[in-house]
Each structure stands twice: as structure tokens, then as C-alpha cells.
Amino acid sequence: MNIYTVLESLQREVTESKPLPWPLQEKSVVDRERLLKILDKTRDSLPEEVKQARWISRETERIAAESSTKADRLVREAQSKGREILRAAEGELDRLLSKEEVYLRAKEEATKVLDEARLEARRTRDEADRYARETRQDAERYAMKVLNGMEGELSRILAIIKKGQESLTGGDE
């Protein structure tokens, strides 16, 4: 059953409802159970795109959270690796400094290792940040595309419902 058939059933139910006595003759009594069943059919008849969009929205949120978590983990790993490299470099520096004959060379090598470790840590952190930003931007663009499509479809459905309401109330609201 498609959405239009269900909406026609809803309109027919309201149109065929019994009017209340005077002075409320503009109002009517509707069979609540039948109306609820029709609304259930309406929900079941929603286009698959609406259901998919709802799933996509949830999936986008999950992916964004997962990406953020992954980026945080990458940053922590980079920081940990950087600290490990720094400790190794400092240890190497201490070892080399204890030997007087290689003092200058050891100092240069240690400084080089420290600089490289800092550079590598910075690169890893920058790469993790960039990945997280790009993933989030991609997820947000996709979510906006889906939500814009849903907005159009829901606006069309809302217009049909408003038209049905106006025809039921005679346009007095």
C-alpha cells in the first residue's frame, strides 16, 4: 500500500465521520481505532528513502564519533611514540655524554634524534587531526544531502496533510 492510498483512507474516514449536534455541527466524531490503524498504515507506507535517511543519519553520527575516537587514539599513540623516542634519545644522549672522547658527536646526534622525534610526533598528530576533520566534514556533507532530500519529501507530505486538514475544517483555522 502506498502513502497516497493511506492518506485517501484517512481523508475518507474524516469525510464520512458523523457530525456532532448543534452548535458543534462543524465538528465530528471519528472512530479512534480505525484512525490509529490508518496512521499505522501511513507510517508503514513511508517511502524507503525516509527510512534510509533515518538510518543514514544515525550511521553518520556513529561514523563521526568513531572517527573522532580514532583520531584521539592516533594522537595519543603519536604522543606516546614521541615520548618513547624522546626517552630513547635522552638515554642515548646520556650514554654518549659519559664518554668524553665522543662528547660533541653524541650531543649532535642526540639533538638530531630529538628534533626528528619531535617532527615525527608533530606530523603524526597533524595527520590524525586532518583525518578527523576530513572524516567529519564528509559525514556532515552526506548527512546534509540526505536531510535536505528528506526535508523536501516531508514538505511535500506536510502540504498534502495541510490540504487535507483545510478541506476537513473548511479553511476556518
Foldseek 3Di string as FASTA:
>chain_A
DALVVLVVVLLVQLVPFQADDPPRRLDGDGDPVVNVVSVVVNVVRPDVLVVVLVVLLVVLVVQLVVLVVVLVVQLVVLVVQLVVQLVVLVVQLVVQCVDPVCNVVSVVVSVVSNVVSVVSSVVSNVVSVVSSVVSNVVSVVVSVVSVVVVVVVVVVVVVVVVVSVCVSSVNPD
